[in-house]
C-alpha atoms as a PDB file:
ATOM      1  CA  MET A   1     -12.675   2.334 -14.378  1.00  0.00           C
ATOM      2  CA  ARG A   2      -9.948   0.210 -12.848  1.00  0.00           C
ATOM      3  CA  THR A   3      -6.273   0.784 -12.245  1.00  0.00           C
ATOM      4  CA  THR A   4      -3.948   0.061 -15.169  1.00  0.00           C
ATOM      5  CA  ILE A   5      -0.334  -0.957 -14.582  1.00  0.00           C
ATOM      6  CA  ARG A   6       2.084   0.014 -17.345  1.00  0.00           C
ATOM      7  CA  THR A   7       5.586   1.157 -18.205  1.00  0.00           C
ATOM      8  CA  ALA A   8       5.922   4.941 -18.221  1.00  0.00           C
ATOM      9  CA  THR A   9       7.531   6.747 -21.151  1.00  0.00           C
ATOM     10  CA  PRO A  10      10.069   9.596 -21.214  1.00  0.00           C
ATOM     11  CA  ALA A  11       7.351  11.906 -22.590  1.00  0.00           C
ATOM     12  CA  GLU A  12       5.588  11.560 -19.228  1.00  0.00           C
ATOM     13  CA  ALA A  13       8.598  12.596 -17.136  1.00  0.00           C
ATOM     14  CA  ASP A  14       7.037  15.713 -15.613  1.00  0.00           C
ATOM     15  CA  ARG A  15       3.738  13.998 -14.805  1.00  0.00           C
ATOM     16  CA  VAL A  16       5.449  10.922 -13.320  1.00  0.00           C
ATOM     17  CA  ALA A  17       7.817  13.062 -11.235  1.00  0.00           C
ATOM     18  CA  ARG A  18       4.937  15.120  -9.812  1.00  0.00           C
ATOM     19  CA  ALA A  19       3.042  11.974  -8.826  1.00  0.00           C
ATOM     20  CA  TYR A  20       6.204  10.470  -7.377  1.00  0.00           C
ATOM     21  CA  ALA A  21       6.868  13.601  -5.314  1.00  0.00           C
ATOM     22  CA  GLU A  22       3.357  13.379  -3.866  1.00  0.00           C
ATOM     23  CA  ALA A  23       3.704   9.650  -3.199  1.00  0.00           C
ATOM     24  CA  CYS A  24       7.058  10.114  -1.430  1.00  0.00           C
ATOM     25  CA  VAL A  25       5.961  12.964   0.806  1.00  0.00           C
ATOM     26  CA  ASP A  26       5.816  10.718   3.889  1.00  0.00           C
ATOM     27  CA  GLU A  27       8.068   7.845   2.788  1.00  0.00           C
ATOM     28  CA  ALA A  28      10.572   6.885   5.506  1.00  0.00           C
ATOM     29  CA  VAL A  29      13.857   7.359   3.644  1.00  0.00           C
ATOM     30  CA  THR A  30      12.749  10.384   1.623  1.00  0.00           C
ATOM     31  CA  GLY A  31      11.431  12.075   4.764  1.00  0.00           C
ATOM     32  CA  TRP A  32      14.721  11.427   6.534  1.00  0.00           C
ATOM     33  CA  VAL A  33      16.918  12.557   3.620  1.00  0.00           C
ATOM     34  CA  PHE A  34      15.008  15.800   3.080  1.00  0.00           C
ATOM     35  CA  GLN A  35      14.137  16.261   6.775  1.00  0.00           C
ATOM     36  CA  GLY A  36      10.454  16.816   6.144  1.00  0.00           C
ATOM     37  CA  ASP A  37      10.924  19.248   3.268  1.00  0.00           C
ATOM     38  CA  ALA A  38       9.488  18.583  -0.158  1.00  0.00           C
ATOM     39  CA  VAL A  39      11.711  16.619  -2.513  1.00  0.00           C
ATOM     40  CA  PRO A  40      13.435  19.129  -4.814  1.00  0.00           C
ATOM     41  CA  PHE A  41      11.548  18.681  -8.079  1.00  0.00           C
ATOM     42  CA  PRO A  42      14.535  19.172 -10.431  1.00  0.00           C
ATOM     43  CA  ALA A  43      16.502  16.479  -8.563  1.00  0.00           C
ATOM     44  CA  LEU A  44      13.543  14.102  -8.656  1.00  0.00           C
ATOM     45  CA  LEU A  45      13.020  14.709 -12.361  1.00  0.00           C
ATOM     46  CA  ALA A  46      16.729  14.085 -13.028  1.00  0.00           C
ATOM     47  CA  SER A  47      16.681  10.863 -10.979  1.00  0.00           C
ATOM     48  CA  LEU A  48      13.906   9.477 -13.196  1.00  0.00           C
ATOM     49  CA  ASP A  49      15.610  10.286 -16.506  1.00  0.00           C
ATOM     50  CA  ASP A  50      17.668   7.098 -16.970  1.00  0.00           C
ATOM     51  CA  PRO A  51      14.973   4.725 -15.651  1.00  0.00           C
ATOM     52  CA  LEU A  52      12.341   6.329 -17.908  1.00  0.00           C
ATOM     53  CA  ARG A  53      14.583   6.080 -20.977  1.00  0.00           C
ATOM     54  CA  GLY A  54      15.395   2.463 -20.116  1.00  0.00           C
ATOM     55  CA  GLY A  55      11.799   1.344 -19.555  1.00  0.00           C
ATOM     56  CA  GLY A  56      12.411   0.970 -15.832  1.00  0.00           C
ATOM     57  CA  VAL A  57       9.528   3.042 -14.461  1.00  0.00           C
ATOM     58  CA  VAL A  58       6.267   1.204 -13.852  1.00  0.00           C
ATOM     59  CA  VAL A  59       3.198   3.209 -12.855  1.00  0.00           C
ATOM     60  CA  ALA A  60      -0.291   2.429 -11.668  1.00  0.00           C
ATOM     61  CA  GLU A  61      -2.856   4.711 -13.275  1.00  0.00           C
ATOM     62  CA  GLY A  62      -6.438   5.059 -12.150  1.00  0.00           C
ATOM     63  CA  PRO A  63      -9.303   7.263 -13.278  1.00  0.00           C
ATOM     64  CA  ASP A  64      -7.843  10.299 -11.490  1.00  0.00           C
ATOM     65  CA  GLY A  65      -4.254   9.880 -12.658  1.00  0.00           C
ATOM     66  CA  ILE A  66      -1.111   8.138 -11.490  1.00  0.00           C
ATOM     67  CA  GLU A  67      -1.597   6.303  -8.187  1.00  0.00           C
ATOM     68  CA  GLY A  68       1.805   4.649  -7.753  1.00  0.00           C
ATOM     69  CA  VAL A  69       5.319   4.795  -9.174  1.00  0.00           C
ATOM     70  CA  SER A  70       8.148   2.254  -9.076  1.00  0.00           C
ATOM     71  CA  THR A  71      11.674   2.336 -10.479  1.00  0.00           C
ATOM     72  CA  TRP A  72      13.511  -0.812 -11.537  1.00  0.00           C
ATOM     73  CA  VAL A  73      17.189  -1.121 -12.440  1.00  0.00           C
ATOM     74  CA  ASP A  74      18.931  -3.968 -14.264  1.00  0.00           C
ATOM     75  CA  SER A  75      21.968  -4.826 -12.173  1.00  0.00           C
ATOM     76  CA  GLY A  76      24.879  -6.876 -13.357  1.00  0.00           C
ATOM     77  CA  GLY A  77      25.804  -7.392  -9.722  1.00  0.00           C
ATOM     78  CA  ASP A  78      26.884  -3.817  -9.116  1.00  0.00           C
ATOM     79  CA  ALA A  79      25.034  -1.275  -7.022  1.00  0.00           C
ATOM     80  CA  PRO A  80      23.366   1.471  -9.044  1.00  0.00           C
ATOM     81  CA  HIS A  81      25.657   4.457  -9.316  1.00  0.00           C
ATOM     82  CA  GLN A  82      24.978   8.115  -8.744  1.00  0.00           C
ATOM     83  CA  PRO A  83      26.469  10.511 -11.289  1.00  0.00           C
ATOM     84  CA  ALA A  84      29.566  12.103  -9.769  1.00  0.00           C
ATOM     85  CA  GLU A  85      28.617  15.568 -10.964  1.00  0.00           C
ATOM     86  CA  GLN A  86      25.314  15.536  -9.073  1.00  0.00           C
ATOM     87  CA  ALA A  87      25.676  17.231  -5.694  1.00  0.00           C
ATOM     88  CA  LEU A  88      24.357  15.009  -2.916  1.00  0.00           C
ATOM     89  CA  SER A  89      23.296  15.895   0.582  1.00  0.00           C
ATOM     90  CA  PRO A  90      25.231  14.054   3.307  1.00  0.00           C
ATOM     91  CA  ARG A  91      22.121  12.010   4.070  1.00  0.00           C
ATOM     92  CA  MET A  92      21.570  10.951   0.455  1.00  0.00           C
ATOM     93  CA  ALA A  93      25.261  10.129   0.141  1.00  0.00           C
ATOM     94  CA  ALA A  94      24.950   7.930   3.257  1.00  0.00           C
ATOM     95  CA  VAL A  95      21.932   6.080   1.820  1.00  0.00           C
ATOM     96  CA  LEU A  96      23.726   5.414  -1.465  1.00  0.00           C
ATOM     97  CA  ALA A  97      26.982   4.335   0.191  1.00  0.00           C
ATOM     98  CA  LEU A  98      25.394   2.037   2.768  1.00  0.00           C
ATOM     99  CA  THR A  99      23.027   0.376   0.315  1.00  0.00           C
ATOM    100  CA  ALA A 100      25.821  -0.054  -2.257  1.00  0.00           C
ATOM    101  CA  GLU A 101      27.863  -1.977   0.327  1.00  0.00           C
ATOM    102  CA  ARG A 102      25.069  -4.519   0.675  1.00  0.00           C
ATOM    103  CA  HIS A 103      24.054  -4.940  -2.942  1.00  0.00           C
ATOM    104  CA  PRO A 104      24.229  -8.588  -4.075  1.00  0.00           C
ATOM    105  CA  ALA A 105      27.174  -9.376  -6.329  1.00  0.00           C
ATOM    106  CA  VAL A 106      25.150 -11.505  -8.754  1.00  0.00           C
ATOM    107  CA  PRO A 107      23.100 -10.194 -11.697  1.00  0.00           C
ATOM    108  CA  HIS A 108      19.574  -9.274 -10.625  1.00  0.00           C
ATOM    109  CA  LEU A 109      16.720  -6.836 -11.061  1.00  0.00           C
ATOM    110  CA  TYR A 110      16.727  -4.078  -8.430  1.00  0.00           C
ATOM    111  CA  LEU A 111      13.532  -2.445  -7.203  1.00  0.00           C
ATOM    112  CA  ALA A 112      15.126   0.907  -6.406  1.00  0.00           C
ATOM    113  CA  SER A 113      11.921   2.500  -5.146  1.00  0.00           C
ATOM    114  CA  MET A 114       8.170   2.182  -5.024  1.00  0.00           C
ATOM    115  CA  ALA A 115       5.673   4.664  -3.634  1.00  0.00           C
ATOM    116  CA  VAL A 116       1.885   4.908  -3.711  1.00  0.00           C
ATOM    117  CA  LEU A 117       0.021   8.200  -3.426  1.00  0.00           C
ATOM    118  CA  PRO A 118      -1.695   8.625  -0.046  1.00  0.00           C
ATOM    119  CA  ALA A 119      -5.221   8.568  -1.536  1.00  0.00           C
ATOM    120  CA  ALA A 120      -4.564   5.184  -3.193  1.00  0.00           C
ATOM    121  CA  ARG A 121      -2.937   3.373  -0.271  1.00  0.00           C
ATOM    122  CA  GLY A 122      -4.536   0.228   1.082  1.00  0.00           C
ATOM    123  CA  ARG A 123      -6.200  -0.581  -2.252  1.00  0.00           C
ATOM    124  CA  GLY A 124      -3.648  -3.063  -3.575  1.00  0.00           C
ATOM    125  CA  VAL A 125      -1.803  -0.651  -5.864  1.00  0.00           C
ATOM    126  CA  GLY A 126       1.650  -1.726  -4.631  1.00  0.00           C
ATOM    127  CA  SER A 127       0.745  -5.395  -5.033  1.00  0.00           C
ATOM    128  CA  ALA A 128      -0.562  -4.754  -8.545  1.00  0.00           C
ATOM    129  CA  ILE A 129       2.688  -3.038  -9.539  1.00  0.00           C
ATOM    130  CA  LEU A 130       4.710  -5.935  -8.114  1.00  0.00           C
ATOM    131  CA  ARG A 131       2.582  -8.590  -9.840  1.00  0.00           C
ATOM    132  CA  HIS A 132       2.862  -6.755 -13.152  1.00  0.00           C
ATOM    133  CA  ARG A 133       6.630  -6.356 -13.026  1.00  0.00           C
ATOM    134  CA  LEU A 134       7.477  -9.726 -11.464  1.00  0.00           C
ATOM    135  CA  THR A 135       5.279 -11.846 -13.739  1.00  0.00           C
ATOM    136  CA  GLY A 136       7.569 -13.616 -16.136  1.00  0.00           C
ATOM    137  CA  GLU A 137      10.726 -12.189 -14.539  1.00  0.00           C
ATOM    138  CA  ARG A 138      13.416 -14.870 -14.798  1.00  0.00           C
ATOM    139  CA  ARG A 139      16.096 -13.145 -12.694  1.00  0.00           C
ATOM    140  CA  PRO A 140      16.332 -12.791  -8.939  1.00  0.00           C
ATOM    141  CA  VAL A 141      15.111  -9.455  -7.559  1.00  0.00           C
ATOM    142  CA  TYR A 142      16.613  -7.340  -4.763  1.00  0.00           C
ATOM    143  CA  LEU A 143      15.207  -4.398  -2.792  1.00  0.00           C
ATOM    144  CA  GLU A 144      15.486  -2.580   0.519  1.00  0.00           C
ATOM    145  CA  ALA A 145      12.193  -2.255   2.415  1.00  0.00           C
ATOM    146  CA  SER A 146      11.991   1.003   4.371  1.00  0.00           C
ATOM    147  CA  THR A 147       9.235  -0.010   6.814  1.00  0.00           C
ATOM    148  CA  PRO A 148       7.938  -3.203   8.430  1.00  0.00           C
ATOM    149  CA  ARG A 149       4.678  -2.754   6.491  1.00  0.00           C
ATOM    150  CA  ALA A 150       6.572  -2.633   3.205  1.00  0.00           C
ATOM    151  CA  ALA A 151       8.590  -5.711   4.212  1.00  0.00           C
ATOM    152  CA  ARG A 152       5.335  -7.615   4.806  1.00  0.00           C
ATOM    153  CA  LEU A 153       4.046  -6.572   1.376  1.00  0.00           C
ATOM    154  CA  TYR A 154       7.218  -7.784  -0.297  1.00  0.00           C
ATOM    155  CA  ALA A 155       7.165 -11.047   1.685  1.00  0.00           C
ATOM    156  CA  ARG A 156       3.693 -11.746   0.263  1.00  0.00           C
ATOM    157  CA  HIS A 157       5.293 -11.549  -3.194  1.00  0.00           C
ATOM    158  CA  GLY A 158       8.042 -14.058  -2.476  1.00  0.00           C
ATOM    159  CA  PHE A 159      10.764 -11.852  -1.005  1.00  0.00           C
ATOM    160  CA  ARG A 160      12.723 -12.940   2.063  1.00  0.00           C
ATOM    161  CA  PRO A 161      15.111 -11.042   4.358  1.00  0.00           C
ATOM    162  CA  LEU A 162      18.694 -10.955   3.121  1.00  0.00           C
ATOM    163  CA  GLY A 163      21.199 -10.380   5.902  1.00  0.00           C
ATOM    164  CA  GLU A 164      21.155  -7.741   8.596  1.00  0.00           C
ATOM    165  CA  GLU A 165      19.230  -4.487   8.424  1.00  0.00           C
ATOM    166  CA  ILE A 166      20.981  -1.374   7.144  1.00  0.00           C
ATOM    167  CA  ALA A 167      20.967   1.264   9.890  1.00  0.00           C
ATOM    168  CA  LEU A 168      21.048   4.752   8.421  1.00  0.00           C
ATOM    169  CA  PRO A 169      23.015   7.232  10.562  1.00  0.00           C
ATOM    170  CA  TRP A 170      21.762  10.318  12.387  1.00  0.00           C
ATOM    171  CA  GLY A 171      18.579   8.646  13.601  1.00  0.00           C
ATOM    172  CA  GLY A 172      17.557   7.457  10.151  1.00  0.00           C
ATOM    173  CA  PRO A 173      15.298   4.507   9.388  1.00  0.00           C
ATOM    174  CA  ARG A 174      16.464   0.913   9.245  1.00  0.00           C
ATOM    175  CA  LEU A 175      16.303  -0.656   5.792  1.00  0.00           C
ATOM    176  CA  ARG A 176      15.536  -4.351   5.370  1.00  0.00           C
ATOM    177  CA  PRO A 177      17.392  -5.906   2.414  1.00  0.00           C
ATOM    178  CA  MET A 178      15.157  -8.487   0.729  1.00  0.00           C
ATOM    179  CA  TRP A 179      15.665 -11.012  -2.046  1.00  0.00           C
ATOM    180  CA  ARG A 180      13.370 -12.942  -4.350  1.00  0.00           C
ATOM    181  CA  ASP A 181      14.984 -15.944  -5.971  1.00  0.00           C
ATOM    182  CA  ALA A 182      14.635 -16.449  -9.697  1.00  0.00           C
ATOM    183  CA  PRO A 183      11.642 -18.705 -10.298  1.00  0.00           C
ATOM    184  CA  ARG A 184      12.349 -22.320 -11.075  1.00  0.00           C
ATOM    185  CA  ARG A 185      11.286 -23.644 -14.438  1.00  0.00           C
ATOM    186  CA  GLY A 186       7.471 -23.668 -14.592  1.00  0.00           C
ATOM    187  CA  GLU A 187       7.053 -21.083 -11.788  1.00  0.00           C
ATOM    188  CA  SER A 188       6.262 -17.413 -12.241  1.00  0.00           C
END
């Protein structure tokens, strides 16, 4: 059986959040924000609510379950917002503030996050998710790559660096803003 790429539904929230928590366990920004602790499950579940309801969560599913999770946000040129009532750690607040400052001011699709479970890494799962979501996309796409390896993956899918890196404080990782132009007529 092969991996299937599809849009997740709100009914799968718990299952998607559990897979996402496992996939993010060693992700650069998540590790820095939570300082090596597990991502608090209720916060992760809440963060997926709007994207799931809006059709913005794309998953890769293999024979043993979900192998990768990505969240996509339609942006009218504004940075995604965090609900004011949600308490944020100083590190998460720094990530949101610094990335918001650099968000492009033109309408685009934003790849807010993508993570592949450790057992599925190196098998093309991230590329499959990108191909699935980017095929037929007529808008430009923006993201912040959290590692050089991720930046190389995105470059293979048509993304290019966009400005200077974002240096997270307190010894945090450096994020690489990247942009993929809207395809010209006849391109995909």
